[in-house]
PDB file of N, CA and C in Angstrom:
ATOM      1  N   MET A   1       0.820  -1.190   0.000  1.00  0.00           N
ATOM      2  CA  MET A   1       0.000   0.000   0.000  1.00  0.00           C
ATOM      3  C   MET A   1       0.866   1.258   0.000  1.00  0.00           C
ATOM      4  N   GLU A   2       1.973   1.237   0.730  1.00  0.00           N
ATOM      5  CA  GLU A   2       2.842   2.414   0.794  1.00  0.00           C
ATOM      6  C   GLU A   2       3.318   2.840  -0.593  1.00  0.00           C
ATOM      7  N   GLU A   3       3.565   1.875  -1.455  1.00  0.00           N
ATOM      8  CA  GLU A   3       4.003   2.196  -2.820  1.00  0.00           C
ATOM      9  C   GLU A   3       2.897   2.908  -3.591  1.00  0.00           C
ATOM     10  N   ARG A   4       1.655   2.485  -3.392  1.00  0.00           N
ATOM     11  CA  ARG A   4       0.526   3.137  -4.083  1.00  0.00           C
ATOM     12  C   ARG A   4       0.332   4.558  -3.573  1.00  0.00           C
ATOM     13  N   ILE A   5       0.516   4.763  -2.262  1.00  0.00           N
ATOM     14  CA  ILE A   5       0.408   6.104  -1.687  1.00  0.00           C
ATOM     15  C   ILE A   5       1.517   6.993  -2.233  1.00  0.00           C
ATOM     16  N   ALA A   6       2.740   6.484  -2.247  1.00  0.00           N
ATOM     17  CA  ALA A   6       3.875   7.256  -2.752  1.00  0.00           C
ATOM     18  C   ALA A   6       3.671   7.624  -4.221  1.00  0.00           C
ATOM     19  N   ALA A   7       3.158   6.706  -5.008  1.00  0.00           N
ATOM     20  CA  ALA A   7       2.915   6.971  -6.424  1.00  0.00           C
ATOM     21  C   ALA A   7       1.819   8.015  -6.613  1.00  0.00           C
ATOM     22  N   ALA A   8       0.749   7.913  -5.831  1.00  0.00           N
ATOM     23  CA  ALA A   8      -0.347   8.885  -5.925  1.00  0.00           C
ATOM     24  C   ALA A   8       0.134  10.266  -5.518  1.00  0.00           C
ATOM     25  N   HIS A   9       0.951  10.336  -4.462  1.00  0.00           N
ATOM     26  CA  HIS A   9       1.498  11.609  -3.996  1.00  0.00           C
ATOM     27  C   HIS A   9       2.416  12.210  -5.052  1.00  0.00           C
ATOM     28  N   ALA A  10       3.316  11.410  -5.593  1.00  0.00           N
ATOM     29  CA  ALA A  10       4.253  11.893  -6.612  1.00  0.00           C
ATOM     30  C   ALA A  10       3.514  12.394  -7.847  1.00  0.00           C
ATOM     31  N   ASP A  11       2.479  11.703  -8.250  1.00  0.00           N
ATOM     32  CA  ASP A  11       1.685  12.119  -9.406  1.00  0.00           C
ATOM     33  C   ASP A  11       1.003  13.464  -9.139  1.00  0.00           C
ATOM     34  N   ALA A  12       0.433  13.612  -7.955  1.00  0.00           N
ATOM     35  CA  ALA A  12      -0.242  14.867  -7.606  1.00  0.00           C
ATOM     36  C   ALA A  12       0.744  16.034  -7.580  1.00  0.00           C
ATOM     37  N   VAL A  13       1.913  15.807  -6.996  1.00  0.00           N
ATOM     38  CA  VAL A  13       2.930  16.866  -6.940  1.00  0.00           C
ATOM     39  C   VAL A  13       3.378  17.245  -8.352  1.00  0.00           C
ATOM     40  N   ALA A  14       3.591  16.248  -9.207  1.00  0.00           N
ATOM     41  CA  ALA A  14       4.021  16.509 -10.590  1.00  0.00           C
ATOM     42  C   ALA A  14       2.981  17.315 -11.360  1.00  0.00           C
ATOM     43  N   ARG A  15       1.699  17.099 -11.045  1.00  0.00           N
ATOM     44  CA  ARG A  15       0.625  17.838 -11.717  1.00  0.00           C
ATOM     45  C   ARG A  15       0.359  19.194 -11.077  1.00  0.00           C
ATOM     46  N   GLY A  16       0.985  19.448  -9.921  1.00  0.00           N
ATOM     47  CA  GLY A  16       0.750  20.700  -9.216  1.00  0.00           C
ATOM     48  C   GLY A  16      -0.549  20.706  -8.434  1.00  0.00           C
ATOM     49  N   ALA A  17      -1.078  19.510  -8.150  1.00  0.00           N
ATOM     50  CA  ALA A  17      -2.329  19.395  -7.400  1.00  0.00           C
ATOM     51  C   ALA A  17      -2.062  19.566  -5.906  1.00  0.00           C
ATOM     52  N   SER A  18      -3.047  20.081  -5.189  1.00  0.00           N
ATOM     53  CA  SER A  18      -2.888  20.266  -3.751  1.00  0.00           C
ATOM     54  C   SER A  18      -3.257  19.008  -2.969  1.00  0.00           C
ATOM     55  N   THR A  19      -4.046  18.126  -3.573  1.00  0.00           N
ATOM     56  CA  THR A  19      -4.460  16.896  -2.906  1.00  0.00           C
ATOM     57  C   THR A  19      -4.433  15.725  -3.882  1.00  0.00           C
ATOM     58  N   TYR A  20      -4.540  14.533  -3.310  1.00  0.00           N
ATOM     59  CA  TYR A  20      -4.752  13.322  -4.097  1.00  0.00           C
ATOM     60  C   TYR A  20      -5.697  12.436  -3.302  1.00  0.00           C
ATOM     61  N   ARG A  21      -6.293  11.481  -3.963  1.00  0.00           N
ATOM     62  CA  ARG A  21      -7.228  10.565  -3.301  1.00  0.00           C
ATOM     63  C   ARG A  21      -6.442   9.355  -2.781  1.00  0.00           C
ATOM     64  N   ASP A  22      -6.575   9.104  -1.481  1.00  0.00           N
ATOM     65  CA  ASP A  22      -5.898   7.976  -0.862  1.00  0.00           C
ATOM     66  C   ASP A  22      -6.401   6.688  -1.508  1.00  0.00           C
ATOM     67  N   PRO A  23      -5.488   5.843  -1.996  1.00  0.00           N
ATOM     68  CA  PRO A  23      -5.920   4.629  -2.691  1.00  0.00           C
ATOM     69  C   PRO A  23      -6.663   3.627  -1.792  1.00  0.00           C
ATOM     70  N   ALA A  24      -6.457   3.679  -0.489  1.00  0.00           N
ATOM     71  CA  ALA A  24      -7.121   2.724   0.400  1.00  0.00           C
ATOM     72  C   ALA A  24      -8.455   3.229   0.914  1.00  0.00           C
ATOM     73  N   THR A  25      -8.535   4.514   1.262  1.00  0.00           N
ATOM     74  CA  THR A  25      -9.737   5.033   1.919  1.00  0.00           C
ATOM     75  C   THR A  25     -10.612   5.891   1.020  1.00  0.00           C
ATOM     76  N   GLY A  26      -9.999   6.468  -0.033  1.00  0.00           N
ATOM     77  CA  GLY A  26     -10.738   7.383  -0.891  1.00  0.00           C
ATOM     78  C   GLY A  26     -10.759   8.808  -0.366  1.00  0.00           C
ATOM     79  N   PHE A  27     -10.174   9.037   0.820  1.00  0.00           N
ATOM     80  CA  PHE A  27     -10.113  10.391   1.377  1.00  0.00           C
ATOM     81  C   PHE A  27      -9.131  11.244   0.581  1.00  0.00           C
ATOM     82  N   HIS A  28      -9.351  12.544   0.590  1.00  0.00           N
ATOM     83  CA  HIS A  28      -8.403  13.472  -0.017  1.00  0.00           C
ATOM     84  C   HIS A  28      -7.289  13.756   0.978  1.00  0.00           C
ATOM     85  N   VAL A  29      -6.051  13.735   0.495  1.00  0.00           N
ATOM     86  CA  VAL A  29      -4.872  13.946   1.328  1.00  0.00           C
ATOM     87  C   VAL A  29      -4.077  15.103   0.730  1.00  0.00           C
ATOM     88  N   PHE A  30      -3.677  16.057   1.568  1.00  0.00           N
ATOM     89  CA  PHE A  30      -2.872  17.182   1.095  1.00  0.00           C
ATOM     90  C   PHE A  30      -1.462  16.718   0.753  1.00  0.00           C
ATOM     91  N   THR A  31      -0.880  17.316  -0.283  1.00  0.00           N
ATOM     92  CA  THR A  31       0.484  17.008  -0.670  1.00  0.00           C
ATOM     93  C   THR A  31       1.465  17.787   0.198  1.00  0.00           C
ATOM     94  N   ASN A  32       2.685  17.290   0.254  1.00  0.00           N
ATOM     95  CA  ASN A  32       3.753  17.949   0.988  1.00  0.00           C
ATOM     96  C   ASN A  32       3.970  19.361   0.469  1.00  0.00           C
ATOM     97  N   SER A  33       3.945  19.542  -0.833  1.00  0.00           N
ATOM     98  CA  SER A  33       4.194  20.870  -1.407  1.00  0.00           C
ATOM     99  C   SER A  33       3.095  21.858  -1.029  1.00  0.00           C
ATOM    100  N   TRP A  34       1.844  21.396  -0.970  1.00  0.00           N
ATOM    101  CA  TRP A  34       0.759  22.299  -0.576  1.00  0.00           C
ATOM    102  C   TRP A  34       0.892  22.680   0.901  1.00  0.00           C
ATOM    103  N   LEU A  35       1.203  21.685   1.731  1.00  0.00           N
ATOM    104  CA  LEU A  35       1.362  21.959   3.161  1.00  0.00           C
ATOM    105  C   LEU A  35       2.516  22.923   3.412  1.00  0.00           C
ATOM    106  N   LEU A  36       3.597  22.781   2.672  1.00  0.00           N
ATOM    107  CA  LEU A  36       4.737  23.684   2.816  1.00  0.00           C
ATOM    108  C   LEU A  36       4.367  25.096   2.385  1.00  0.00           C
ATOM    109  N   ALA A  37       3.640  25.211   1.273  1.00  0.00           N
ATOM    110  CA  ALA A  37       3.218  26.521   0.780  1.00  0.00           C
ATOM    111  C   ALA A  37       2.240  27.189   1.742  1.00  0.00           C
ATOM    112  N   ARG A  38       1.527  26.399   2.523  1.00  0.00           N
ATOM    113  CA  ARG A  38       0.581  26.930   3.508  1.00  0.00           C
ATOM    114  C   ARG A  38       1.306  27.796   4.523  1.00  0.00           C
ATOM    115  N   GLY A  39       2.539  27.409   4.865  1.00  0.00           N
ATOM    116  CA  GLY A  39       3.387  28.242   5.687  1.00  0.00           C
ATOM    117  C   GLY A  39       3.422  27.942   7.171  1.00  0.00           C
ATOM    118  N   THR A  40       2.472  27.182   7.686  1.00  0.00           N
ATOM    119  CA  THR A  40       2.471  26.843   9.106  1.00  0.00           C
ATOM    120  C   THR A  40       1.949  25.422   9.283  1.00  0.00           C
ATOM    121  N   CYS A  41       2.290  24.841  10.424  1.00  0.00           N
ATOM    122  CA  CYS A  41       1.808  23.508  10.759  1.00  0.00           C
ATOM    123  C   CYS A  41       0.460  23.636  11.446  1.00  0.00           C
ATOM    124  N   CYS A  42      -0.458  22.750  11.121  1.00  0.00           N
ATOM    125  CA  CYS A  42      -1.790  22.758  11.741  1.00  0.00           C
ATOM    126  C   CYS A  42      -1.856  21.815  12.940  1.00  0.00           C
ATOM    127  N   ASP A  43      -0.783  21.066  13.212  1.00  0.00           N
ATOM    128  CA  ASP A  43      -0.708  20.103  14.320  1.00  0.00           C
ATOM    129  C   ASP A  43      -1.772  19.017  14.260  1.00  0.00           C
ATOM    130  N   GLN A  44      -2.176  18.628  13.061  1.00  0.00           N
ATOM    131  CA  GLN A  44      -3.160  17.570  12.911  1.00  0.00           C
ATOM    132  C   GLN A  44      -2.528  16.249  12.476  1.00  0.00           C
ATOM    133  N   GLY A  45      -1.203  16.209  12.345  1.00  0.00           N
ATOM    134  CA  GLY A  45      -0.523  14.973  11.987  1.00  0.00           C
ATOM    135  C   GLY A  45      -0.713  14.581  10.538  1.00  0.00           C
ATOM    136  N   CYS A  46      -0.680  15.545   9.646  1.00  0.00           N
ATOM    137  CA  CYS A  46      -0.862  15.270   8.215  1.00  0.00           C
ATOM    138  C   CYS A  46       0.174  14.254   7.721  1.00  0.00           C
ATOM    139  N   ARG A  47      -0.246  13.387   6.826  1.00  0.00           N
ATOM    140  CA  ARG A  47       0.601  12.313   6.317  1.00  0.00           C
ATOM    141  C   ARG A  47       1.910  12.829   5.728  1.00  0.00           C
ATOM    142  N   HIS A  48       1.876  13.926   5.008  1.00  0.00           N
ATOM    143  CA  HIS A  48       3.056  14.446   4.323  1.00  0.00           C
ATOM    144  C   HIS A  48       3.560  15.734   4.953  1.00  0.00           C
ATOM    145  N   CYS A  49       3.399  15.881   6.264  1.00  0.00           N
ATOM    146  CA  CYS A  49       3.767  17.107   6.971  1.00  0.00           C
ATOM    147  C   CYS A  49       5.236  17.457   6.749  1.00  0.00           C
ATOM    148  N   PRO A  50       5.508  18.654   6.194  1.00  0.00           N
ATOM    149  CA  PRO A  50       6.904  19.055   5.990  1.00  0.00           C
ATOM    150  C   PRO A  50       7.509  19.676   7.253  1.00  0.00           C
ATOM    151  N   TYR A  51       6.729  19.801   8.308  1.00  0.00           N
ATOM    152  CA  TYR A  51       7.192  20.445   9.550  1.00  0.00           C
ATOM    153  C   TYR A  51       7.596  19.441  10.617  1.00  0.00           C
ATOM    154  N   GLY A  52       7.513  18.163  10.327  1.00  0.00           N
ATOM    155  CA  GLY A  52       7.970  17.137  11.247  1.00  0.00           C
ATOM    156  C   GLY A  52       6.934  16.617  12.220  1.00  0.00           C
ATOM    157  N   THR A  53       5.695  17.086  12.124  1.00  0.00           N
ATOM    158  CA  THR A  53       4.654  16.569  12.995  1.00  0.00           C
ATOM    159  C   THR A  53       4.278  15.169  12.531  1.00  0.00           C
ATOM    160  N   THR A  54       4.106  14.265  13.467  1.00  0.00           N
ATOM    161  CA  THR A  54       3.760  12.893  13.102  1.00  0.00           C
ATOM    162  C   THR A  54       2.267  12.654  13.300  1.00  0.00           C
ATOM    163  N   ALA A  55       1.754  11.727  12.551  1.00  0.00           N
ATOM    164  CA  ALA A  55       0.333  11.399  12.618  1.00  0.00           C
ATOM    165  C   ALA A  55      -0.027  10.811  13.976  1.00  0.00           C
ATOM    166  N   THR A  56      -1.204  11.145  14.439  1.00  0.00           N
ATOM    167  CA  THR A  56      -1.687  10.588  15.690  1.00  0.00           C
ATOM    168  C   THR A  56      -2.535   9.362  15.393  1.00  0.00           C
ATOM    169  N   PRO A  57      -2.543   8.378  16.306  1.00  0.00           N
ATOM    170  CA  PRO A  57      -3.314   7.159  16.054  1.00  0.00           C
ATOM    171  C   PRO A  57      -4.821   7.424  15.996  1.00  0.00           C
TER     172      PRO A  57
END
């Protein structure tokens, strides 16, 4: 599954998209580049957080 997530994320970043659809859940997930451009951490444990926050269980 991690490979499918990485591929979906890479595709979204290459297209300049802010999100992609998680292959397992169908939820929209923000890309690392969008989160970085946002400028601050939201402390929600985003999957691709560029600020080092880890996901909460």
